[in-house]
Amino acid sequence: MVEVVGIRFKQAGKIYYFDPGMLELTTEDYVIVETVRGIEFGKVVIAHKLVDEDDIVLPLKRVIRVADEKDKVTVLENKDKSQEAFDVCQEKIVSHNLDMKLVDVEYTFDRNKVIFYFTADGRVDFRDLVKDLAAVFKTRIELRQIGVRDEAKLLGGIGPCGRMLCCSTFLGDFEPVSIKMAKDQSLSLNPAKISGLCGRLMCCLKYENDDYEEAKRLLPDIGEGIKTSHGNGKVVGLNILERIVQVELPDEDAKVLEYTLDELIQEGVNLKQATE
């Protein structure tokens, strides 16, 4: 087992493991670490934890030190410089007549590199742009093409539900989302209703799907005959999220009664799924 701490460099970014060394770190600490991009500033989001060696890539980079107030000032200065770099790069894109959309600009903590994130429909020849930017900023330049989901994560926004986008607030990684998940959740298959701001299927279809699958495992199928305390009936509807079963009782003039899953189990209804 190896002792690690989990560090995140952006609000909803991926969590990376580092060796804490002799430092005693908490989830309130900001730290300076060495990464493949250079020296970076990040926040501890997972305190000291033991993980199996097979679950990480060794050797781990070590946390250099706990960040101080001067480091936090540097981060704020880098954000101001990033905005200036954004404006300069936007002008250069227009002057070179490049078919690309600049999304974000980021300075590494040590200012040894400036990273420009952009979207484009195809490949873009930006060699001359890189030369111009290097001449202006006198440092390493990286242009990174990203997808529309990454763009939404960087820019943020409000989703169809009225809340801030999941990807920009708490989802660290994107997971594959399929139209089958929308079908399983009995949602409209109208793309406009199940797509996020990025134009792709909403991320919540994936992480909510597990709850739907668990509910379907427990609940009877529509059309299935079951025996209740009011007599034999047929399942005609399901409220999956609230675990409610609608049962039609033919002997009661086709009366439809609602039962919660707990009520059916307490009444001794033979639900094979519920007893697995």
Protein backbone atom coordinates (compact mmCIF):
# COMPACT_ATOMS: atom_id res chain seq x y z
CA MET A 1 0.00 0.00 0.00
CA VAL A 2 1.12 3.54 -0.77
CA GLU A 3 0.14 6.71 1.09
CA VAL A 4 -1.17 9.42 -1.24
CA VAL A 5 -3.11 12.67 -1.27
CA GLY A 6 -5.57 13.64 -4.02
CA ILE A 7 -5.06 17.05 -5.59
CA ARG A 8 -7.31 18.94 -7.97
CA PHE A 9 -6.11 21.86 -10.10
CA LYS A 10 -9.51 23.11 -11.25
CA GLN A 11 -12.90 23.28 -9.53
CA ALA A 12 -14.32 20.21 -11.25
CA GLY A 13 -11.09 18.88 -12.67
CA LYS A 14 -9.68 15.40 -12.48
CA ILE A 15 -8.10 14.31 -9.18
CA TYR A 16 -4.43 13.34 -9.31
CA TYR A 17 -2.52 11.40 -6.66
CA PHE A 18 0.73 12.74 -5.20
CA ASP A 19 3.19 11.60 -2.54
CA PRO A 20 2.70 13.81 0.56
CA GLY A 21 6.18 12.99 1.87
CA MET A 22 6.56 14.24 5.44
CA LEU A 23 3.83 16.88 5.11
CA GLU A 24 0.62 16.57 7.13
CA LEU A 25 -2.05 17.84 4.73
CA THR A 26 -5.78 18.44 5.11
CA THR A 27 -8.53 19.09 2.58
CA GLU A 28 -8.27 22.81 3.38
CA ASP A 29 -4.67 23.06 2.15
CA TYR A 30 -3.39 24.47 -1.11
CA VAL A 31 -0.09 23.04 -2.29
CA ILE A 32 2.66 23.45 -4.85
CA VAL A 33 3.48 20.31 -6.84
CA GLU A 34 5.52 19.28 -9.83
CA THR A 35 3.54 17.93 -12.80
CA VAL A 36 4.30 17.00 -16.40
CA ARG A 37 3.29 20.58 -17.28
CA GLY A 38 5.66 22.09 -14.76
CA ILE A 39 5.19 23.55 -11.27
CA GLU A 40 1.48 23.87 -10.46
CA PHE A 41 -0.80 25.19 -7.72
CA GLY A 42 -3.58 22.88 -6.54
CA LYS A 43 -5.95 22.09 -3.69
CA VAL A 44 -5.95 18.94 -1.58
CA VAL A 45 -9.36 17.28 -1.98
CA ILE A 46 -8.45 13.83 -0.62
CA ALA A 47 -6.43 13.76 2.59
CA HIS A 48 -3.86 11.08 3.42
CA LYS A 49 -5.08 7.76 2.07
CA LEU A 50 -3.62 4.30 1.45
CA VAL A 51 -4.07 2.87 -2.02
CA ASP A 52 -2.90 -0.32 -3.69
CA GLU A 53 0.21 0.01 -5.84
CA ASP A 54 -1.67 -1.56 -8.76
CA ASP A 55 -4.16 1.36 -8.75
CA ILE A 56 -1.57 4.09 -9.34
CA VAL A 57 1.32 4.79 -11.68
CA LEU A 58 4.62 4.78 -9.82
CA PRO A 59 6.75 6.65 -9.04
CA LEU A 60 4.47 9.39 -7.73
CA LYS A 61 5.50 13.03 -7.85
CA ARG A 62 6.02 14.48 -4.37
CA VAL A 63 4.21 17.53 -2.99
CA ILE A 64 6.84 20.28 -2.88
CA ARG A 65 5.32 22.42 -0.13
CA VAL A 66 2.18 23.99 1.25
CA ALA A 67 1.24 27.13 -0.69
CA ASP A 68 1.59 30.49 1.07
CA GLU A 69 -0.10 33.84 0.52
CA LYS A 70 2.52 34.87 -2.03
CA ASP A 71 1.63 31.80 -4.11
CA LYS A 72 -2.05 32.71 -4.00
CA VAL A 73 -1.20 36.22 -5.24
CA THR A 74 0.74 34.63 -8.11
CA VAL A 75 -2.35 32.60 -9.08
CA LEU A 76 -4.46 35.76 -9.23
CA GLU A 77 -1.80 37.52 -11.31
CA ASN A 78 -1.73 34.56 -13.69
CA LYS A 79 -5.49 34.84 -14.16
CA ASP A 80 -5.10 38.51 -15.13
CA LYS A 81 -2.30 37.63 -17.52
CA SER A 82 -4.46 34.86 -19.01
CA GLN A 83 -7.18 37.37 -19.87
CA GLU A 84 -4.63 39.62 -21.56
CA ALA A 85 -3.26 36.64 -23.49
CA PHE A 86 -6.81 35.71 -24.54
CA ASP A 87 -7.35 39.14 -26.09
CA VAL A 88 -4.00 39.04 -27.90
CA CYS A 89 -4.59 35.55 -29.25
CA GLN A 90 -8.09 36.46 -30.43
CA GLU A 91 -6.65 39.33 -32.47
CA LYS A 92 -4.00 37.04 -33.97
CA ILE A 93 -6.63 34.44 -34.93
CA VAL A 94 -8.58 37.10 -36.80
CA SER A 95 -5.48 38.46 -38.53
CA HIS A 96 -4.49 34.96 -39.68
CA ASN A 97 -8.08 34.25 -40.73
CA LEU A 98 -8.13 30.92 -38.91
CA ASP A 99 -11.35 28.91 -38.62
CA MET A 100 -11.12 28.26 -34.88
CA LYS A 101 -12.84 29.45 -31.71
CA LEU A 102 -10.67 30.40 -28.75
CA VAL A 103 -12.25 29.09 -25.53
CA ASP A 104 -9.80 29.70 -22.69
CA VAL A 105 -6.20 30.59 -21.90
CA GLU A 106 -4.21 29.29 -18.95
CA TYR A 107 -0.77 30.11 -17.57
CA THR A 108 1.05 27.40 -15.67
CA PHE A 109 1.90 28.46 -12.13
CA ASP A 110 5.59 29.02 -12.93
CA ARG A 111 4.67 30.87 -16.17
CA ASN A 112 6.89 28.59 -18.22
CA LYS A 113 4.01 27.81 -20.56
CA VAL A 114 0.81 29.40 -21.85
CA ILE A 115 -1.92 27.00 -22.95
CA PHE A 116 -4.59 28.14 -25.41
CA TYR A 117 -7.72 25.97 -25.60
CA PHE A 118 -9.79 26.15 -28.79
CA THR A 119 -12.48 24.35 -30.72
CA ALA A 120 -12.65 23.80 -34.47
CA ASP A 121 -14.61 21.68 -36.90
CA GLY A 122 -11.48 20.13 -38.38
CA ARG A 123 -7.71 20.36 -38.38
CA VAL A 124 -6.22 23.85 -38.16
CA ASP A 125 -2.78 24.88 -39.39
CA PHE A 126 -1.76 27.20 -36.56
CA ARG A 127 2.03 27.11 -36.98
CA ASP A 128 2.26 30.79 -37.89
CA LEU A 129 -0.06 31.65 -34.99
CA VAL A 130 2.24 29.83 -32.55
CA LYS A 131 5.24 31.75 -33.86
CA ASP A 132 3.45 35.06 -33.38
CA LEU A 133 2.34 34.16 -29.86
CA ALA A 134 5.82 32.99 -28.88
CA ALA A 135 7.25 36.30 -30.10
CA VAL A 136 4.76 38.22 -27.95
CA PHE A 137 4.89 36.20 -24.72
CA LYS A 138 8.53 34.99 -24.82
CA THR A 139 7.62 31.61 -23.35
CA ARG A 140 6.47 28.14 -24.42
CA ILE A 141 3.16 28.11 -26.28
CA GLU A 142 0.73 25.20 -26.48
CA LEU A 143 -2.46 25.22 -28.54
CA ARG A 144 -4.82 22.45 -27.48
CA GLN A 145 -7.93 21.54 -29.46
CA ILE A 146 -10.81 20.42 -27.24
CA GLY A 147 -14.30 19.02 -27.82
CA VAL A 148 -17.63 20.70 -27.20
CA ARG A 149 -18.11 18.92 -23.85
CA ASP A 150 -14.75 20.23 -22.65
CA GLU A 151 -15.76 23.69 -23.84
CA ALA A 152 -18.92 23.59 -21.74
CA LYS A 153 -16.89 22.39 -18.74
CA LEU A 154 -14.45 25.30 -19.08
CA LEU A 155 -17.03 28.02 -19.70
CA GLY A 156 -19.80 26.78 -17.40
CA GLY A 157 -23.42 27.85 -17.67
CA ILE A 158 -26.95 26.91 -16.63
CA GLY A 159 -28.44 23.64 -17.81
CA PRO A 160 -32.04 22.87 -18.87
CA CYS A 161 -32.82 21.98 -15.24
CA GLY A 162 -32.01 25.52 -14.12
CA ARG A 163 -28.89 24.52 -12.18
CA MET A 164 -25.21 25.13 -12.93
CA LEU A 165 -23.75 22.57 -15.33
CA CYS A 166 -22.75 19.30 -13.65
CA CYS A 167 -19.52 19.12 -15.66
CA SER A 168 -18.35 22.52 -14.44
CA THR A 169 -19.32 22.06 -10.78
CA PHE A 170 -18.59 18.49 -9.67
CA LEU A 171 -18.06 15.95 -12.47
CA GLY A 172 -14.35 15.25 -12.70
CA ASP A 173 -14.48 13.03 -15.79
CA PHE A 174 -16.79 12.58 -18.75
CA GLU A 175 -18.38 9.17 -19.15
CA PRO A 176 -20.05 7.73 -22.27
CA VAL A 177 -23.77 8.53 -22.50
CA SER A 178 -26.12 6.57 -24.76
CA ILE A 179 -29.63 7.09 -26.11
CA LYS A 180 -30.57 3.79 -24.42
CA MET A 181 -30.19 5.51 -21.06
CA ALA A 182 -32.82 8.05 -22.07
CA LYS A 183 -35.14 5.22 -23.17
CA ASP A 184 -34.64 3.37 -19.88
CA GLN A 185 -35.59 6.53 -18.00
CA SER A 186 -38.76 6.96 -20.10
CA LEU A 187 -37.60 10.35 -21.38
CA SER A 188 -38.58 12.04 -24.60
CA LEU A 189 -36.15 11.13 -27.37
CA ASN A 190 -36.38 14.65 -28.76
CA PRO A 191 -32.69 15.73 -28.98
CA ALA A 192 -33.58 19.24 -27.85
CA LYS A 193 -34.93 17.88 -24.55
CA ILE A 194 -32.15 15.45 -23.66
CA SER A 195 -29.13 17.44 -24.83
CA GLY A 196 -27.05 19.82 -22.73
CA LEU A 197 -25.59 23.20 -23.66
CA CYS A 198 -22.78 21.40 -25.46
CA GLY A 199 -25.24 19.77 -27.85
CA ARG A 200 -24.40 16.27 -26.58
CA LEU A 201 -26.57 13.98 -24.46
CA MET A 202 -26.80 15.30 -20.91
CA CYS A 203 -24.25 13.90 -18.45
CA CYS A 204 -26.96 13.35 -15.83
CA LEU A 205 -28.42 10.57 -18.00
CA LYS A 206 -25.35 8.54 -17.08
CA TYR A 207 -24.99 9.04 -13.34
CA GLU A 208 -28.78 8.90 -12.75
CA ASN A 209 -29.02 5.72 -14.82
CA ASP A 210 -27.65 3.56 -11.99
CA ASP A 211 -30.59 4.54 -9.78
CA TYR A 212 -33.07 3.70 -12.54
CA GLU A 213 -31.44 0.32 -13.13
CA GLU A 214 -31.59 -0.50 -9.42
CA ALA A 215 -35.27 0.51 -9.27
CA LYS A 216 -36.14 -1.59 -12.31
CA ARG A 217 -34.41 -4.56 -10.73
CA LEU A 218 -36.67 -4.22 -7.69
CA LEU A 219 -39.97 -3.27 -9.33
CA PRO A 220 -42.24 -5.61 -11.34
CA ASP A 221 -42.57 -5.13 -15.09
CA ILE A 222 -45.53 -3.38 -16.70
CA GLY A 223 -48.09 -5.99 -17.70
CA GLU A 224 -46.98 -8.41 -15.00
CA GLY A 225 -49.70 -9.98 -12.86
CA ILE A 226 -49.30 -9.65 -9.09
CA LYS A 227 -51.37 -10.51 -6.04
CA THR A 228 -52.11 -7.69 -3.60
CA SER A 229 -54.10 -7.39 -0.38
CA HIS A 230 -56.99 -6.13 -2.54
CA GLY A 231 -56.84 -9.11 -4.89
CA ASN A 232 -55.13 -10.11 -8.11
CA GLY A 233 -54.15 -7.31 -10.44
CA LYS A 234 -51.94 -6.27 -13.32
CA VAL A 235 -49.17 -3.70 -13.25
CA VAL A 236 -50.14 -0.83 -15.56
CA GLY A 237 -47.70 1.88 -14.54
CA LEU A 238 -44.50 2.61 -12.63
CA ASN A 239 -43.10 5.68 -10.95
CA ILE A 240 -39.51 4.53 -10.90
CA LEU A 241 -37.98 7.36 -8.90
CA GLU A 242 -40.54 7.14 -6.08
CA ARG A 243 -40.75 3.31 -6.27
CA ILE A 244 -44.53 3.37 -6.82
CA VAL A 245 -46.42 0.62 -8.67
CA GLN A 246 -49.82 1.24 -10.28
CA VAL A 247 -51.95 -1.90 -10.23
CA GLU A 248 -55.22 -2.38 -12.09
CA LEU A 249 -57.78 -4.55 -10.26
CA PRO A 250 -60.29 -6.03 -12.75
CA ASP A 251 -62.71 -7.03 -10.01
CA GLU A 252 -63.04 -3.41 -8.92
CA ASP A 253 -64.32 -2.00 -12.24
CA ALA A 254 -60.79 -1.65 -13.53
CA LYS A 255 -59.83 0.47 -10.54
CA VAL A 256 -56.16 1.45 -10.44
CA LEU A 257 -54.47 1.54 -7.03
CA GLU A 258 -50.97 2.74 -6.19
CA TYR A 259 -48.60 0.80 -3.96
CA THR A 260 -45.12 1.68 -2.83
CA LEU A 261 -42.49 -1.02 -3.16
CA ASP A 262 -42.27 -1.26 0.65
CA GLU A 263 -46.04 -1.80 0.91
CA LEU A 264 -45.94 -4.63 -1.62
CA ILE A 265 -43.07 -6.32 0.20
CA GLN A 266 -44.79 -5.91 3.59
CA GLU A 267 -47.96 -7.43 2.16
CA GLY A 268 -45.94 -10.47 1.11
CA VAL A 269 -46.31 -9.89 -2.61
CA ASN A 270 -44.10 -12.35 -4.45
CA LEU A 271 -41.62 -10.02 -6.16
CA LYS A 272 -38.71 -12.14 -7.30
CA GLN A 273 -36.64 -9.06 -8.02
CA ALA A 274 -37.16 -7.68 -4.52
CA THR A 275 -35.92 -10.86 -2.83
CA GLU A 276 -32.70 -11.27 -4.84
